[in-house]
PDB file of N, CA and C in Angstrom:
ATOM      1  N   MET A   1      23.881 -18.727   8.147  1.00  0.00           N
ATOM      2  CA  MET A   1      22.586 -19.350   7.954  1.00  0.00           C
ATOM      3  C   MET A   1      22.616 -20.104   6.626  1.00  0.00           C
ATOM      4  N   SER A   2      22.152 -21.326   6.646  1.00  0.00           N
ATOM      5  CA  SER A   2      22.149 -22.141   5.433  1.00  0.00           C
ATOM      6  C   SER A   2      21.085 -21.657   4.458  1.00  0.00           C
ATOM      7  N   LEU A   3      21.224 -22.099   3.212  1.00  0.00           N
ATOM      8  CA  LEU A   3      20.268 -21.702   2.177  1.00  0.00           C
ATOM      9  C   LEU A   3      18.857 -22.150   2.528  1.00  0.00           C
ATOM     10  N   SER A   4      18.716 -23.374   3.042  1.00  0.00           N
ATOM     11  CA  SER A   4      17.380 -23.863   3.382  1.00  0.00           C
ATOM     12  C   SER A   4      16.792 -23.069   4.551  1.00  0.00           C
ATOM     13  N   ALA A   5      17.624 -22.662   5.492  1.00  0.00           N
ATOM     14  CA  ALA A   5      17.147 -21.852   6.616  1.00  0.00           C
ATOM     15  C   ALA A   5      16.711 -20.477   6.124  1.00  0.00           C
ATOM     16  N   LYS A   6      17.453 -19.919   5.173  1.00  0.00           N
ATOM     17  CA  LYS A   6      17.079 -18.627   4.595  1.00  0.00           C
ATOM     18  C   LYS A   6      15.768 -18.749   3.818  1.00  0.00           C
ATOM     19  N   SER A   7      15.646 -19.813   3.040  1.00  0.00           N
ATOM     20  CA  SER A   7      14.419 -20.026   2.273  1.00  0.00           C
ATOM     21  C   SER A   7      13.217 -20.173   3.200  1.00  0.00           C
ATOM     22  N   TRP A   8      13.407 -20.891   4.288  1.00  0.00           N
ATOM     23  CA  TRP A   8      12.337 -21.082   5.253  1.00  0.00           C
ATOM     24  C   TRP A   8      11.939 -19.747   5.871  1.00  0.00           C
ATOM     25  N   LYS A   9      12.926 -18.932   6.241  1.00  0.00           N
ATOM     26  CA  LYS A   9      12.656 -17.636   6.857  1.00  0.00           C
ATOM     27  C   LYS A   9      11.935 -16.709   5.868  1.00  0.00           C
ATOM     28  N   ILE A  10      12.327 -16.732   4.611  1.00  0.00           N
ATOM     29  CA  ILE A  10      11.656 -15.918   3.595  1.00  0.00           C
ATOM     30  C   ILE A  10      10.218 -16.370   3.431  1.00  0.00           C
ATOM     31  N   ARG A  11       9.994 -17.668   3.326  1.00  0.00           N
ATOM     32  CA  ARG A  11       8.642 -18.204   3.163  1.00  0.00           C
ATOM     33  C   ARG A  11       7.785 -17.864   4.378  1.00  0.00           C
ATOM     34  N   GLN A  12       8.352 -17.984   5.557  1.00  0.00           N
ATOM     35  CA  GLN A  12       7.628 -17.652   6.781  1.00  0.00           C
ATOM     36  C   GLN A  12       7.261 -16.165   6.797  1.00  0.00           C
ATOM     37  N   SER A  13       8.184 -15.318   6.379  1.00  0.00           N
ATOM     38  CA  SER A  13       7.927 -13.881   6.324  1.00  0.00           C
ATOM     39  C   SER A  13       6.833 -13.567   5.308  1.00  0.00           C
ATOM     40  N   LEU A  14       6.879 -14.220   4.148  1.00  0.00           N
ATOM     41  CA  LEU A  14       5.824 -14.026   3.141  1.00  0.00           C
ATOM     42  C   LEU A  14       4.465 -14.428   3.696  1.00  0.00           C
ATOM     43  N   ASN A  15       4.424 -15.536   4.397  1.00  0.00           N
ATOM     44  CA  ASN A  15       3.157 -16.034   4.947  1.00  0.00           C
ATOM     45  C   ASN A  15       2.595 -15.124   6.028  1.00  0.00           C
ATOM     46  N   SER A  16       3.447 -14.302   6.640  1.00  0.00           N
ATOM     47  CA  SER A  16       2.986 -13.408   7.700  1.00  0.00           C
ATOM     48  C   SER A  16       2.389 -12.109   7.150  1.00  0.00           C
ATOM     49  N   LEU A  17       2.561 -11.870   5.854  1.00  0.00           N
ATOM     50  CA  LEU A  17       2.003 -10.660   5.242  1.00  0.00           C
ATOM     51  C   LEU A  17       0.481 -10.747   5.173  1.00  0.00           C
ATOM     52  N   PRO A  18      -0.186  -9.586   5.197  1.00  0.00           N
ATOM     53  CA  PRO A  18      -1.633  -9.607   4.941  1.00  0.00           C
ATOM     54  C   PRO A  18      -1.894 -10.235   3.567  1.00  0.00           C
ATOM     55  N   PRO A  19      -2.989 -10.946   3.405  1.00  0.00           N
ATOM     56  CA  PRO A  19      -3.257 -11.665   2.151  1.00  0.00           C
ATOM     57  C   PRO A  19      -3.167 -10.798   0.892  1.00  0.00           C
ATOM     58  N   GLU A  20      -3.660  -9.563   0.959  1.00  0.00           N
ATOM     59  CA  GLU A  20      -3.642  -8.692  -0.215  1.00  0.00           C
ATOM     60  C   GLU A  20      -2.212  -8.367  -0.639  1.00  0.00           C
ATOM     61  N   GLN A  21      -1.346  -8.155   0.334  1.00  0.00           N
ATOM     62  CA  GLN A  21       0.053  -7.851   0.039  1.00  0.00           C
ATOM     63  C   GLN A  21       0.780  -9.100  -0.460  1.00  0.00           C
ATOM     64  N   ARG A  22       0.553 -10.215   0.201  1.00  0.00           N
ATOM     65  CA  ARG A  22       1.202 -11.468  -0.192  1.00  0.00           C
ATOM     66  C   ARG A  22       0.823 -11.837  -1.621  1.00  0.00           C
ATOM     67  N   ASP A  23      -0.441 -11.655  -1.970  1.00  0.00           N
ATOM     68  CA  ASP A  23      -0.915 -11.975  -3.306  1.00  0.00           C
ATOM     69  C   ASP A  23      -0.161 -11.163  -4.360  1.00  0.00           C
ATOM     70  N   VAL A  24       0.009  -9.868  -4.122  1.00  0.00           N
ATOM     71  CA  VAL A  24       0.723  -9.022  -5.076  1.00  0.00           C
ATOM     72  C   VAL A  24       2.180  -9.473  -5.206  1.00  0.00           C
ATOM     73  N   VAL A  25       2.833  -9.736  -4.094  1.00  0.00           N
ATOM     74  CA  VAL A  25       4.237 -10.165  -4.128  1.00  0.00           C
ATOM     75  C   VAL A  25       4.386 -11.475  -4.910  1.00  0.00           C
ATOM     76  N   LEU A  26       3.528 -12.438  -4.631  1.00  0.00           N
ATOM     77  CA  LEU A  26       3.635 -13.729  -5.302  1.00  0.00           C
ATOM     78  C   LEU A  26       3.320 -13.626  -6.790  1.00  0.00           C
ATOM     79  N   ARG A  27       2.328 -12.824  -7.143  1.00  0.00           N
ATOM     80  CA  ARG A  27       2.015 -12.647  -8.563  1.00  0.00           C
ATOM     81  C   ARG A  27       3.188 -11.993  -9.292  1.00  0.00           C
ATOM     82  N   ARG A  28       3.826 -11.027  -8.639  1.00  0.00           N
ATOM     83  CA  ARG A  28       4.937 -10.309  -9.261  1.00  0.00           C
ATOM     84  C   ARG A  28       6.183 -11.198  -9.373  1.00  0.00           C
ATOM     85  N   ILE A  29       6.515 -11.894  -8.314  1.00  0.00           N
ATOM     86  CA  ILE A  29       7.766 -12.654  -8.277  1.00  0.00           C
ATOM     87  C   ILE A  29       7.617 -14.058  -8.861  1.00  0.00           C
ATOM     88  N   GLU A  30       6.636 -14.811  -8.401  1.00  0.00           N
ATOM     89  CA  GLU A  30       6.503 -16.198  -8.844  1.00  0.00           C
ATOM     90  C   GLU A  30       5.851 -16.326 -10.219  1.00  0.00           C
ATOM     91  N   HIS A  31       4.925 -15.417 -10.527  1.00  0.00           N
ATOM     92  CA  HIS A  31       4.200 -15.510 -11.797  1.00  0.00           C
ATOM     93  C   HIS A  31       4.683 -14.497 -12.825  1.00  0.00           C
ATOM     94  N   ASN A  32       5.648 -13.655 -12.421  1.00  0.00           N
ATOM     95  CA  ASN A  32       6.283 -12.681 -13.315  1.00  0.00           C
ATOM     96  C   ASN A  32       5.265 -11.757 -13.997  1.00  0.00           C
ATOM     97  N   GLN A  33       4.205 -11.423 -13.283  1.00  0.00           N
ATOM     98  CA  GLN A  33       3.209 -10.512 -13.832  1.00  0.00           C
ATOM     99  C   GLN A  33       3.655  -9.071 -13.640  1.00  0.00           C
ATOM    100  N   THR A  34       3.238  -8.200 -14.542  1.00  0.00           N
ATOM    101  CA  THR A  34       3.504  -6.777 -14.372  1.00  0.00           C
ATOM    102  C   THR A  34       2.513  -6.232 -13.353  1.00  0.00           C
ATOM    103  N   PHE A  35       2.839  -5.053 -12.811  1.00  0.00           N
ATOM    104  CA  PHE A  35       1.924  -4.437 -11.861  1.00  0.00           C
ATOM    105  C   PHE A  35       0.590  -4.107 -12.540  1.00  0.00           C
ATOM    106  N   SER A  36       0.654  -3.720 -13.782  1.00  0.00           N
ATOM    107  CA  SER A  36      -0.554  -3.419 -14.539  1.00  0.00           C
ATOM    108  C   SER A  36      -1.428  -4.665 -14.705  1.00  0.00           C
ATOM    109  N   GLU A  37      -0.815  -5.790 -15.015  1.00  0.00           N
ATOM    110  CA  GLU A  37      -1.556  -7.047 -15.147  1.00  0.00           C
ATOM    111  C   GLU A  37      -2.203  -7.435 -13.815  1.00  0.00           C
ATOM    112  N   ILE A  38      -1.451  -7.264 -12.739  1.00  0.00           N
ATOM    113  CA  ILE A  38      -1.981  -7.597 -11.414  1.00  0.00           C
ATOM    114  C   ILE A  38      -3.190  -6.727 -11.104  1.00  0.00           C
ATOM    115  N   ALA A  39      -3.071  -5.428 -11.364  1.00  0.00           N
ATOM    116  CA  ALA A  39      -4.175  -4.499 -11.098  1.00  0.00           C
ATOM    117  C   ALA A  39      -5.416  -4.894 -11.889  1.00  0.00           C
ATOM    118  N   THR A  40      -5.218  -5.222 -13.154  1.00  0.00           N
ATOM    119  CA  THR A  40      -6.348  -5.607 -14.001  1.00  0.00           C
ATOM    120  C   THR A  40      -7.017  -6.877 -13.482  1.00  0.00           C
ATOM    121  N   GLU A  41      -6.220  -7.888 -13.154  1.00  0.00           N
ATOM    122  CA  GLU A  41      -6.784  -9.159 -12.677  1.00  0.00           C
ATOM    123  C   GLU A  41      -7.497  -9.012 -11.336  1.00  0.00           C
ATOM    124  N   LEU A  42      -6.949  -8.171 -10.468  1.00  0.00           N
ATOM    125  CA  LEU A  42      -7.562  -7.986  -9.155  1.00  0.00           C
ATOM    126  C   LEU A  42      -8.704  -6.982  -9.181  1.00  0.00           C
ATOM    127  N   GLY A  43      -8.788  -6.210 -10.261  1.00  0.00           N
ATOM    128  CA  GLY A  43      -9.838  -5.207 -10.362  1.00  0.00           C
ATOM    129  C   GLY A  43      -9.642  -4.029  -9.426  1.00  0.00           C
ATOM    130  N   VAL A  44      -8.374  -3.665  -9.194  1.00  0.00           N
ATOM    131  CA  VAL A  44      -8.047  -2.532  -8.326  1.00  0.00           C
ATOM    132  C   VAL A  44      -7.168  -1.556  -9.095  1.00  0.00           C
ATOM    133  N   PRO A  45      -7.090  -0.299  -8.644  1.00  0.00           N
ATOM    134  CA  PRO A  45      -6.224   0.664  -9.321  1.00  0.00           C
ATOM    135  C   PRO A  45      -4.744   0.273  -9.239  1.00  0.00           C
ATOM    136  N   LEU A  46      -3.991   0.690 -10.228  1.00  0.00           N
ATOM    137  CA  LEU A  46      -2.559   0.420 -10.259  1.00  0.00           C
ATOM    138  C   LEU A  46      -1.880   0.939  -8.999  1.00  0.00           C
ATOM    139  N   GLY A  47      -2.267   2.119  -8.543  1.00  0.00           N
ATOM    140  CA  GLY A  47      -1.676   2.695  -7.332  1.00  0.00           C
ATOM    141  C   GLY A  47      -1.864   1.815  -6.115  1.00  0.00           C
ATOM    142  N   THR A  48      -2.994   1.131  -6.042  1.00  0.00           N
ATOM    143  CA  THR A  48      -3.263   0.215  -4.929  1.00  0.00           C
ATOM    144  C   THR A  48      -2.285  -0.956  -4.955  1.00  0.00           C
ATOM    145  N   VAL A  49      -2.060  -1.488  -6.139  1.00  0.00           N
ATOM    146  CA  VAL A  49      -1.120  -2.603  -6.290  1.00  0.00           C
ATOM    147  C   VAL A  49       0.289  -2.147  -5.902  1.00  0.00           C
ATOM    148  N   LEU A  50       0.689  -0.980  -6.361  1.00  0.00           N
ATOM    149  CA  LEU A  50       2.025  -0.472  -6.045  1.00  0.00           C
ATOM    150  C   LEU A  50       2.181  -0.221  -4.547  1.00  0.00           C
ATOM    151  N   THR A  51       1.145   0.292  -3.913  1.00  0.00           N
ATOM    152  CA  THR A  51       1.194   0.524  -2.468  1.00  0.00           C
ATOM    153  C   THR A  51       1.290  -0.795  -1.709  1.00  0.00           C
ATOM    154  N   ARG A  52       0.522  -1.783  -2.127  1.00  0.00           N
ATOM    155  CA  ARG A  52       0.585  -3.099  -1.468  1.00  0.00           C
ATOM    156  C   ARG A  52       1.989  -3.689  -1.582  1.00  0.00           C
ATOM    157  N   MET A  53       2.598  -3.542  -2.747  1.00  0.00           N
ATOM    158  CA  MET A  53       3.949  -4.073  -2.940  1.00  0.00           C
ATOM    159  C   MET A  53       4.945  -3.324  -2.054  1.00  0.00           C
ATOM    160  N   ARG A  54       4.834  -2.000  -2.019  1.00  0.00           N
ATOM    161  CA  ARG A  54       5.760  -1.202  -1.211  1.00  0.00           C
ATOM    162  C   ARG A  54       5.637  -1.572   0.264  1.00  0.00           C
ATOM    163  N   LEU A  55       4.421  -1.672   0.757  1.00  0.00           N
ATOM    164  CA  LEU A  55       4.218  -2.032   2.161  1.00  0.00           C
ATOM    165  C   LEU A  55       4.737  -3.436   2.452  1.00  0.00           C
ATOM    166  N   ALA A  56       4.496  -4.356   1.532  1.00  0.00           N
ATOM    167  CA  ALA A  56       4.975  -5.730   1.710  1.00  0.00           C
ATOM    168  C   ALA A  56       6.498  -5.766   1.768  1.00  0.00           C
ATOM    169  N   LEU A  57       7.144  -5.053   0.864  1.00  0.00           N
ATOM    170  CA  LEU A  57       8.607  -5.050   0.846  1.00  0.00           C
ATOM    171  C   LEU A  57       9.186  -4.415   2.111  1.00  0.00           C
ATOM    172  N   GLN A  58       8.530  -3.387   2.618  1.00  0.00           N
ATOM    173  CA  GLN A  58       8.981  -2.776   3.869  1.00  0.00           C
ATOM    174  C   GLN A  58       8.882  -3.774   5.021  1.00  0.00           C
ATOM    175  N   LYS A  59       7.770  -4.486   5.086  1.00  0.00           N
ATOM    176  CA  LYS A  59       7.583  -5.474   6.155  1.00  0.00           C
ATOM    177  C   LYS A  59       8.582  -6.621   6.026  1.00  0.00           C
ATOM    178  N   LEU A  60       8.782  -7.092   4.802  1.00  0.00           N
ATOM    179  CA  LEU A  60       9.733  -8.184   4.594  1.00  0.00           C
ATOM    180  C   LEU A  60      11.144  -7.763   4.970  1.00  0.00           C
ATOM    181  N   GLN A  61      11.529  -6.561   4.572  1.00  0.00           N
ATOM    182  CA  GLN A  61      12.865  -6.074   4.896  1.00  0.00           C
ATOM    183  C   GLN A  61      13.056  -6.013   6.407  1.00  0.00           C
ATOM    184  N   LYS A  62      12.063  -5.507   7.109  1.00  0.00           N
ATOM    185  CA  LYS A  62      12.154  -5.407   8.564  1.00  0.00           C
ATOM    186  C   LYS A  62      12.279  -6.796   9.199  1.00  0.00           C
ATOM    187  N   GLN A  63      11.454  -7.724   8.757  1.00  0.00           N
ATOM    188  CA  GLN A  63      11.469  -9.074   9.322  1.00  0.00           C
ATOM    189  C   GLN A  63      12.778  -9.806   9.015  1.00  0.00           C
ATOM    190  N   LEU A  64      13.287  -9.626   7.822  1.00  0.00           N
ATOM    191  CA  LEU A  64      14.463 -10.393   7.401  1.00  0.00           C
ATOM    192  C   LEU A  64      15.770  -9.790   7.893  1.00  0.00           C
ATOM    193  N   THR A  65      15.741  -8.536   8.360  1.00  0.00           N
ATOM    194  CA  THR A  65      16.971  -7.931   8.887  1.00  0.00           C
ATOM    195  C   THR A  65      17.041  -7.984  10.404  1.00  0.00           C
ATOM    196  N   ASP A  66      15.935  -8.391  11.045  1.00  0.00           N
ATOM    197  CA  ASP A  66      15.950  -8.524  12.515  1.00  0.00           C
ATOM    198  C   ASP A  66      16.729  -9.746  12.939  1.00  0.00           C
TER     199      ASP A  66
END
């Protein structure tokens, strides 16, 4: 699979995540925010942010390994 095909598949997988999970992933990866910063900005507990990230990563792993 070419790099552009992989990038497309990753972007498509990110877009398929629930908005709350996608937001956490993008803030962490693209904006280099800490989980604590994300929690503060979103006004949710740190545990909620960590759970959203864990669930998102599980879904992404499943989609990208199929």
